[in-house]
């Protein structure tokens, strides 16, 4: 995006996506830019199905949002998302959980983008990553 529309446009789109991601979340949820064009959401007391619902809802909202980038131009963007949850008794560290989410995110990108993929709990061996949705 920066190469095509410039860094100022890219910054406006990132700010718009951040607003979409942070809107209508619970007071206990945390949304943060994790680096470059990636964001992380912490959803305390949310199980895997709840995280999938939130991720899919946000994916749709990002795709529906219109971002004004100046000179009367607007852009729409899509997002790919990965999510993972810790099960009771999990031995996973924060680093392990982030690695699982990152692997799910890259699986979403490899799967065609604009989709959500569930990662596994890295502290519970044998639980595999699962695609959550198809584009539609």
N, C-alpha and C. Protein backbone atom coordinates (compact mmCIF):
# COMPACT_ATOMS: atom_id res chain seq x y z
N UNK A 1 0.81 -1.17 0.00
CA UNK A 1 0.00 0.00 0.00
C UNK A 1 0.87 1.26 0.00
N UNK A 2 1.90 1.28 0.84
CA UNK A 2 2.77 2.46 0.89
C UNK A 2 3.43 2.73 -0.46
N UNK A 3 3.84 1.69 -1.16
CA UNK A 3 4.48 1.88 -2.46
C UNK A 3 3.51 2.45 -3.49
N UNK A 4 2.26 2.08 -3.41
CA UNK A 4 1.26 2.53 -4.38
C UNK A 4 0.67 3.89 -4.01
N UNK A 5 0.29 4.06 -2.74
CA UNK A 5 -0.44 5.26 -2.33
C UNK A 5 0.36 6.21 -1.45
N UNK A 6 1.53 5.78 -0.98
CA UNK A 6 2.35 6.63 -0.12
C UNK A 6 2.18 6.29 1.35
N UNK A 7 3.17 6.69 2.14
CA UNK A 7 3.18 6.38 3.56
C UNK A 7 2.07 7.09 4.33
N UNK A 8 1.71 8.30 3.93
CA UNK A 8 0.64 9.01 4.62
C UNK A 8 -0.69 8.28 4.44
N UNK A 9 -0.94 7.78 3.25
CA UNK A 9 -2.16 7.01 3.02
C UNK A 9 -2.14 5.72 3.84
N UNK A 10 -0.99 5.06 3.86
CA UNK A 10 -0.86 3.84 4.65
C UNK A 10 -1.11 4.10 6.13
N UNK A 11 -0.59 5.22 6.63
CA UNK A 11 -0.81 5.57 8.03
C UNK A 11 -2.29 5.83 8.31
N UNK A 12 -2.99 6.49 7.37
CA UNK A 12 -4.42 6.74 7.55
C UNK A 12 -5.21 5.44 7.58
N UNK A 13 -4.83 4.52 6.71
CA UNK A 13 -5.53 3.23 6.69
C UNK A 13 -5.25 2.45 7.99
N UNK A 14 -4.00 2.45 8.45
CA UNK A 14 -3.69 1.77 9.72
C UNK A 14 -4.48 2.37 10.87
N UNK A 15 -4.59 3.69 10.91
CA UNK A 15 -5.36 4.36 11.97
C UNK A 15 -6.84 3.97 11.86
N UNK A 16 -7.35 3.89 10.64
CA UNK A 16 -8.74 3.49 10.44
C UNK A 16 -8.99 2.05 10.86
N UNK A 17 -8.08 1.17 10.52
CA UNK A 17 -8.21 -0.24 10.92
C UNK A 17 -8.14 -0.34 12.45
N UNK A 18 -7.23 0.40 13.07
CA UNK A 18 -7.12 0.38 14.54
C UNK A 18 -8.44 0.83 15.18
N UNK A 19 -9.07 1.83 14.59
CA UNK A 19 -10.35 2.30 15.11
C UNK A 19 -11.42 1.23 14.99
N UNK A 20 -11.44 0.54 13.86
CA UNK A 20 -12.40 -0.56 13.68
C UNK A 20 -12.14 -1.66 14.70
N UNK A 21 -10.89 -2.04 14.87
CA UNK A 21 -10.56 -3.13 15.79
C UNK A 21 -10.86 -2.77 17.24
N UNK A 22 -10.65 -1.52 17.61
CA UNK A 22 -10.87 -1.11 19.00
C UNK A 22 -12.30 -0.75 19.33
N UNK A 23 -13.14 -0.57 18.31
CA UNK A 23 -14.52 -0.17 18.54
C UNK A 23 -15.37 -1.30 19.10
N UNK A 24 -16.25 -0.96 19.98
CA UNK A 24 -17.22 -1.89 20.56
C UNK A 24 -16.61 -3.14 21.19
N UNK A 25 -15.46 -2.99 21.80
CA UNK A 25 -14.85 -4.10 22.53
C UNK A 25 -15.20 -3.95 24.02
N UNK A 26 -15.04 -5.01 24.77
CA UNK A 26 -15.30 -4.96 26.20
C UNK A 26 -14.21 -4.14 26.90
N UNK A 27 -14.51 -3.58 28.05
CA UNK A 27 -13.50 -2.78 28.76
C UNK A 27 -12.25 -3.59 29.13
N UNK A 28 -12.39 -4.91 29.25
CA UNK A 28 -11.24 -5.75 29.62
C UNK A 28 -10.38 -6.16 28.43
N UNK A 29 -10.89 -5.96 27.21
CA UNK A 29 -10.14 -6.34 26.01
C UNK A 29 -9.08 -5.29 25.69
N UNK A 30 -8.00 -5.75 25.08
CA UNK A 30 -6.90 -4.85 24.72
C UNK A 30 -6.61 -5.01 23.23
N UNK A 31 -6.53 -3.88 22.53
CA UNK A 31 -6.15 -3.86 21.12
C UNK A 31 -4.87 -3.07 21.00
N UNK A 32 -3.85 -3.62 20.33
CA UNK A 32 -2.58 -2.92 20.19
C UNK A 32 -1.94 -3.24 18.85
N UNK A 33 -1.23 -2.26 18.32
CA UNK A 33 -0.44 -2.52 17.11
C UNK A 33 0.76 -3.33 17.54
N UNK A 34 0.99 -4.42 16.86
CA UNK A 34 2.03 -5.36 17.25
C UNK A 34 3.29 -5.19 16.42
N UNK A 35 3.20 -4.50 15.33
CA UNK A 35 4.36 -4.25 14.48
C UNK A 35 3.93 -4.14 13.04
N UNK A 36 4.53 -3.20 12.34
CA UNK A 36 4.20 -3.04 10.92
C UNK A 36 2.72 -2.86 10.73
N UNK A 37 2.12 -3.82 10.06
CA UNK A 37 0.68 -3.75 9.80
C UNK A 37 -0.09 -4.79 10.60
N UNK A 38 0.51 -5.28 11.68
CA UNK A 38 -0.14 -6.31 12.48
C UNK A 38 -0.64 -5.74 13.80
N UNK A 39 -1.77 -6.29 14.24
CA UNK A 39 -2.37 -5.91 15.50
C UNK A 39 -2.56 -7.16 16.34
N UNK A 40 -2.62 -6.98 17.64
CA UNK A 40 -2.91 -8.09 18.55
C UNK A 40 -4.09 -7.66 19.42
N UNK A 41 -4.98 -8.59 19.66
CA UNK A 41 -6.10 -8.35 20.57
C UNK A 41 -6.02 -9.37 21.68
N UNK A 42 -6.12 -8.89 22.91
CA UNK A 42 -6.18 -9.78 24.07
C UNK A 42 -7.62 -9.79 24.54
N UNK A 43 -8.19 -10.98 24.62
CA UNK A 43 -9.60 -11.14 24.96
C UNK A 43 -9.71 -12.03 26.20
N UNK A 44 -9.50 -11.47 27.39
CA UNK A 44 -9.53 -12.28 28.61
C UNK A 44 -10.88 -13.00 28.78
N UNK A 45 -10.82 -14.17 29.35
CA UNK A 45 -12.03 -14.97 29.65
C UNK A 45 -12.87 -15.24 28.40
N UNK A 46 -12.19 -15.48 27.27
CA UNK A 46 -12.87 -15.78 26.02
C UNK A 46 -12.40 -17.15 25.54
N UNK A 47 -13.34 -18.05 25.27
CA UNK A 47 -12.96 -19.37 24.79
C UNK A 47 -12.72 -19.33 23.28
N UNK A 48 -12.34 -20.46 22.71
CA UNK A 48 -11.98 -20.52 21.29
C UNK A 48 -13.14 -20.12 20.39
N UNK A 49 -14.35 -20.58 20.69
CA UNK A 49 -15.48 -20.22 19.83
C UNK A 49 -15.80 -18.73 19.95
N UNK A 50 -15.67 -18.17 21.13
CA UNK A 50 -15.87 -16.73 21.31
C UNK A 50 -14.83 -15.92 20.56
N UNK A 51 -13.58 -16.36 20.62
CA UNK A 51 -12.51 -15.67 19.89
C UNK A 51 -12.74 -15.74 18.39
N UNK A 52 -13.23 -16.87 17.90
CA UNK A 52 -13.52 -17.01 16.47
C UNK A 52 -14.64 -16.06 16.05
N UNK A 53 -15.65 -15.92 16.89
CA UNK A 53 -16.76 -15.01 16.59
C UNK A 53 -16.26 -13.57 16.53
N UNK A 54 -15.45 -13.18 17.51
CA UNK A 54 -14.91 -11.82 17.54
C UNK A 54 -14.03 -11.58 16.32
N UNK A 55 -13.14 -12.52 16.02
CA UNK A 55 -12.22 -12.35 14.89
C UNK A 55 -12.98 -12.24 13.57
N UNK A 56 -13.99 -13.05 13.39
CA UNK A 56 -14.77 -13.00 12.15
C UNK A 56 -15.55 -11.70 12.06
N UNK A 57 -16.14 -11.27 13.16
CA UNK A 57 -16.88 -10.00 13.17
C UNK A 57 -15.95 -8.84 12.80
N UNK A 58 -14.75 -8.83 13.36
CA UNK A 58 -13.79 -7.77 13.06
C UNK A 58 -13.29 -7.86 11.62
N UNK A 59 -13.10 -9.06 11.12
CA UNK A 59 -12.67 -9.22 9.72
C UNK A 59 -13.70 -8.60 8.78
N UNK A 60 -14.98 -8.86 9.05
CA UNK A 60 -16.05 -8.27 8.23
C UNK A 60 -16.08 -6.75 8.36
N UNK A 61 -15.94 -6.24 9.58
CA UNK A 61 -15.97 -4.79 9.78
C UNK A 61 -14.81 -4.10 9.07
N UNK A 62 -13.64 -4.70 9.12
CA UNK A 62 -12.49 -4.12 8.41
C UNK A 62 -12.78 -4.08 6.92
N UNK A 63 -13.32 -5.15 6.37
CA UNK A 63 -13.61 -5.20 4.93
C UNK A 63 -14.68 -4.20 4.51
N UNK A 64 -15.60 -3.88 5.41
CA UNK A 64 -16.68 -2.95 5.10
C UNK A 64 -16.27 -1.49 5.27
N UNK A 65 -15.22 -1.23 6.03
CA UNK A 65 -14.81 0.15 6.33
C UNK A 65 -14.24 0.83 5.09
N UNK A 66 -14.52 2.11 4.97
CA UNK A 66 -13.99 2.94 3.89
C UNK A 66 -12.99 3.90 4.53
N UNK A 67 -11.77 3.95 3.97
CA UNK A 67 -10.70 4.79 4.51
C UNK A 67 -10.40 5.92 3.55
N UNK A 68 -10.60 7.15 4.01
CA UNK A 68 -10.27 8.32 3.20
C UNK A 68 -8.77 8.55 3.29
N UNK A 69 -8.12 8.65 2.13
CA UNK A 69 -6.66 8.80 2.12
C UNK A 69 -6.21 10.14 1.54
N UNK A 70 -7.16 11.03 1.31
CA UNK A 70 -6.82 12.36 0.82
C UNK A 70 -7.19 12.55 -0.63
N UNK A 71 -7.31 13.80 -1.02
CA UNK A 71 -7.64 14.18 -2.40
C UNK A 71 -8.90 13.50 -2.91
N UNK A 72 -9.84 13.22 -2.00
CA UNK A 72 -11.09 12.60 -2.40
C UNK A 72 -10.99 11.11 -2.66
N UNK A 73 -9.82 10.52 -2.45
CA UNK A 73 -9.63 9.09 -2.68
C UNK A 73 -9.98 8.29 -1.43
N UNK A 74 -10.56 7.12 -1.65
CA UNK A 74 -10.87 6.21 -0.56
C UNK A 74 -10.36 4.81 -0.90
N UNK A 75 -10.10 4.05 0.14
CA UNK A 75 -9.66 2.67 -0.02
C UNK A 75 -10.47 1.76 0.89
N UNK A 76 -10.62 0.54 0.45
CA UNK A 76 -11.12 -0.54 1.30
C UNK A 76 -10.00 -1.56 1.38
N UNK A 77 -9.86 -2.16 2.54
CA UNK A 77 -8.84 -3.18 2.73
C UNK A 77 -9.48 -4.39 3.38
N UNK A 78 -8.79 -5.51 3.32
CA UNK A 78 -9.23 -6.71 4.01
C UNK A 78 -8.17 -7.08 5.02
N UNK A 79 -8.51 -8.04 5.85
CA UNK A 79 -7.57 -8.49 6.87
C UNK A 79 -7.60 -10.00 6.97
N UNK A 80 -6.46 -10.55 7.30
CA UNK A 80 -6.36 -11.96 7.65
C UNK A 80 -6.11 -12.00 9.15
N UNK A 81 -6.62 -13.02 9.81
CA UNK A 81 -6.47 -13.10 11.26
C UNK A 81 -6.18 -14.52 11.70
N UNK A 82 -5.38 -14.60 12.73
CA UNK A 82 -5.14 -15.86 13.43
C UNK A 82 -5.52 -15.65 14.88
N UNK A 83 -6.03 -16.68 15.52
CA UNK A 83 -6.31 -16.58 16.96
C UNK A 83 -6.01 -17.90 17.63
N UNK A 84 -5.73 -17.82 18.90
CA UNK A 84 -5.49 -19.02 19.70
C UNK A 84 -5.92 -18.71 21.13
N UNK A 85 -6.32 -19.72 21.83
CA UNK A 85 -6.73 -19.57 23.23
C UNK A 85 -5.97 -20.57 24.08
N UNK A 86 -5.86 -20.25 25.34
CA UNK A 86 -5.24 -21.18 26.29
C UNK A 86 -6.35 -21.93 27.02
N UNK A 87 -6.20 -23.23 27.08
CA UNK A 87 -7.15 -24.08 27.79
C UNK A 87 -6.74 -24.15 29.26
N UNK A 88 -7.69 -24.41 30.17
CA UNK A 88 -7.31 -24.61 31.57
C UNK A 88 -6.25 -25.71 31.68
N UNK A 89 -5.21 -25.46 32.43
CA UNK A 89 -4.14 -26.44 32.59
C UNK A 89 -3.05 -26.34 31.53
N UNK A 90 -3.17 -25.40 30.62
CA UNK A 90 -2.17 -25.24 29.57
C UNK A 90 -0.82 -24.85 30.17
N UNK A 91 0.23 -25.40 29.59
CA UNK A 91 1.59 -25.08 30.02
C UNK A 91 2.23 -24.03 29.12
N UNK A 92 1.45 -23.41 28.26
CA UNK A 92 1.99 -22.45 27.28
C UNK A 92 2.42 -21.15 27.94
N UNK A 93 3.49 -20.59 27.42
CA UNK A 93 3.94 -19.26 27.81
C UNK A 93 3.32 -18.23 26.87
N UNK A 94 3.45 -16.97 27.20
CA UNK A 94 2.96 -15.91 26.31
C UNK A 94 3.64 -15.99 24.96
N UNK A 95 4.94 -16.29 24.96
CA UNK A 95 5.68 -16.41 23.70
C UNK A 95 5.16 -17.55 22.85
N UNK A 96 4.84 -18.67 23.50
CA UNK A 96 4.30 -19.82 22.78
C UNK A 96 2.93 -19.50 22.18
N UNK A 97 2.11 -18.77 22.94
CA UNK A 97 0.78 -18.40 22.45
C UNK A 97 0.90 -17.48 21.25
N UNK A 98 1.77 -16.49 21.32
CA UNK A 98 1.97 -15.59 20.19
C UNK A 98 2.49 -16.33 18.97
N UNK A 99 3.37 -17.30 19.16
CA UNK A 99 3.87 -18.10 18.04
C UNK A 99 2.73 -18.89 17.39
N UNK A 100 1.81 -19.41 18.21
CA UNK A 100 0.67 -20.14 17.67
C UNK A 100 -0.25 -19.22 16.87
N UNK A 101 -0.49 -18.02 17.40
CA UNK A 101 -1.32 -17.05 16.69
C UNK A 101 -0.64 -16.64 15.38
N UNK A 102 0.66 -16.42 15.43
CA UNK A 102 1.41 -16.03 14.23
C UNK A 102 1.32 -17.12 13.17
N UNK A 103 1.46 -18.38 13.57
CA UNK A 103 1.34 -19.49 12.62
C UNK A 103 -0.06 -19.53 12.01
N UNK A 104 -1.08 -19.27 12.82
CA UNK A 104 -2.46 -19.25 12.30
C UNK A 104 -2.65 -18.09 11.33
N UNK A 105 -2.07 -16.93 11.66
CA UNK A 105 -2.15 -15.77 10.76
C UNK A 105 -1.54 -16.09 9.40
N UNK A 106 -0.36 -16.69 9.41
CA UNK A 106 0.29 -17.00 8.13
C UNK A 106 -0.45 -18.10 7.38
N UNK A 107 -1.12 -18.99 8.10
CA UNK A 107 -1.97 -19.98 7.44
C UNK A 107 -3.15 -19.28 6.75
N UNK A 108 -3.70 -18.24 7.39
CA UNK A 108 -4.78 -17.47 6.77
C UNK A 108 -4.29 -16.77 5.51
N UNK A 109 -3.09 -16.21 5.57
CA UNK A 109 -2.54 -15.54 4.39
C UNK A 109 -2.30 -16.54 3.26
N UNK A 110 -1.75 -17.70 3.60
CA UNK A 110 -1.52 -18.74 2.58
C UNK A 110 -2.82 -19.29 2.04
N UNK A 111 -3.87 -19.23 2.84
CA UNK A 111 -5.17 -19.77 2.44
C UNK A 111 -5.97 -18.84 1.55
N UNK A 112 -5.41 -17.74 1.15
CA UNK A 112 -6.10 -16.84 0.23
C UNK A 112 -6.38 -15.47 0.80
N UNK A 113 -6.03 -15.23 2.02
CA UNK A 113 -6.23 -13.94 2.69
C UNK A 113 -7.71 -13.66 2.95
N UNK A 114 -7.97 -12.61 3.71
CA UNK A 114 -9.32 -12.21 4.07
C UNK A 114 -10.08 -13.36 4.74
N UNK A 115 -9.42 -14.04 5.66
CA UNK A 115 -10.06 -15.10 6.42
C UNK A 115 -9.43 -15.23 7.79
N UNK A 116 -10.09 -16.00 8.62
CA UNK A 116 -9.68 -16.22 10.00
C UNK A 116 -9.29 -17.68 10.17
N UNK A 117 -8.17 -17.94 10.85
CA UNK A 117 -7.73 -19.30 11.13
C UNK A 117 -7.47 -19.41 12.63
N UNK A 118 -7.95 -20.48 13.22
CA UNK A 118 -7.75 -20.75 14.64
C UNK A 118 -6.46 -21.51 14.83
N UNK A 119 -5.62 -21.03 15.72
CA UNK A 119 -4.40 -21.74 16.09
C UNK A 119 -4.68 -22.72 17.21
N UNK A 120 -3.69 -23.47 17.54
CA UNK A 120 -3.83 -24.45 18.62
C UNK A 120 -3.26 -23.88 19.92
N UNK A 121 -3.65 -24.47 21.04
CA UNK A 121 -3.05 -24.12 22.33
C UNK A 121 -1.69 -24.80 22.37
N UNK A 122 -0.60 -24.03 22.33
CA UNK A 122 0.73 -24.64 22.28
C UNK A 122 1.09 -25.42 23.54
N UNK A 123 0.33 -25.26 24.59
CA UNK A 123 0.58 -26.02 25.81
C UNK A 123 -0.22 -27.30 25.89
N UNK A 124 -0.98 -27.60 24.84
CA UNK A 124 -1.80 -28.81 24.80
C UNK A 124 -1.49 -29.55 23.51
N UNK A 125 -0.48 -30.39 23.47
CA UNK A 125 -0.09 -31.08 22.24
C UNK A 125 -1.25 -31.87 21.64
N UNK A 126 -1.24 -31.91 20.30
CA UNK A 126 -2.22 -32.71 19.59
C UNK A 126 -3.45 -31.95 19.14
N UNK A 127 -3.53 -30.65 19.48
CA UNK A 127 -4.67 -29.84 19.04
C UNK A 127 -4.20 -29.03 17.84
N UNK A 128 -4.75 -29.29 16.67
CA UNK A 128 -4.27 -28.68 15.43
C UNK A 128 -4.99 -27.39 15.10
N UNK A 129 -4.34 -26.59 14.27
CA UNK A 129 -4.93 -25.35 13.77
C UNK A 129 -6.10 -25.68 12.85
N UNK A 130 -7.11 -24.81 12.84
CA UNK A 130 -8.31 -25.04 12.06
C UNK A 130 -8.73 -23.77 11.32
N UNK A 131 -9.07 -23.88 10.02
CA UNK A 131 -9.66 -22.72 9.36
C UNK A 131 -11.04 -22.46 9.96
N UNK A 132 -11.38 -21.19 10.14
CA UNK A 132 -12.64 -20.85 10.76
C UNK A 132 -13.70 -20.50 9.73
N UNK A 133 -13.32 -19.88 8.63
CA UNK A 133 -14.32 -19.43 7.68
C UNK A 133 -13.76 -19.39 6.27
N UNK A 134 -14.67 -19.31 5.35
CA UNK A 134 -14.29 -19.06 3.98
C UNK A 134 -14.73 -17.65 3.62
N UNK A 135 -14.20 -17.10 2.55
CA UNK A 135 -14.56 -15.76 2.12
C UNK A 135 -16.02 -15.75 1.71
N UNK A 136 -16.75 -14.73 2.14
CA UNK A 136 -18.14 -14.66 1.73
C UNK A 136 -18.91 -13.60 2.40
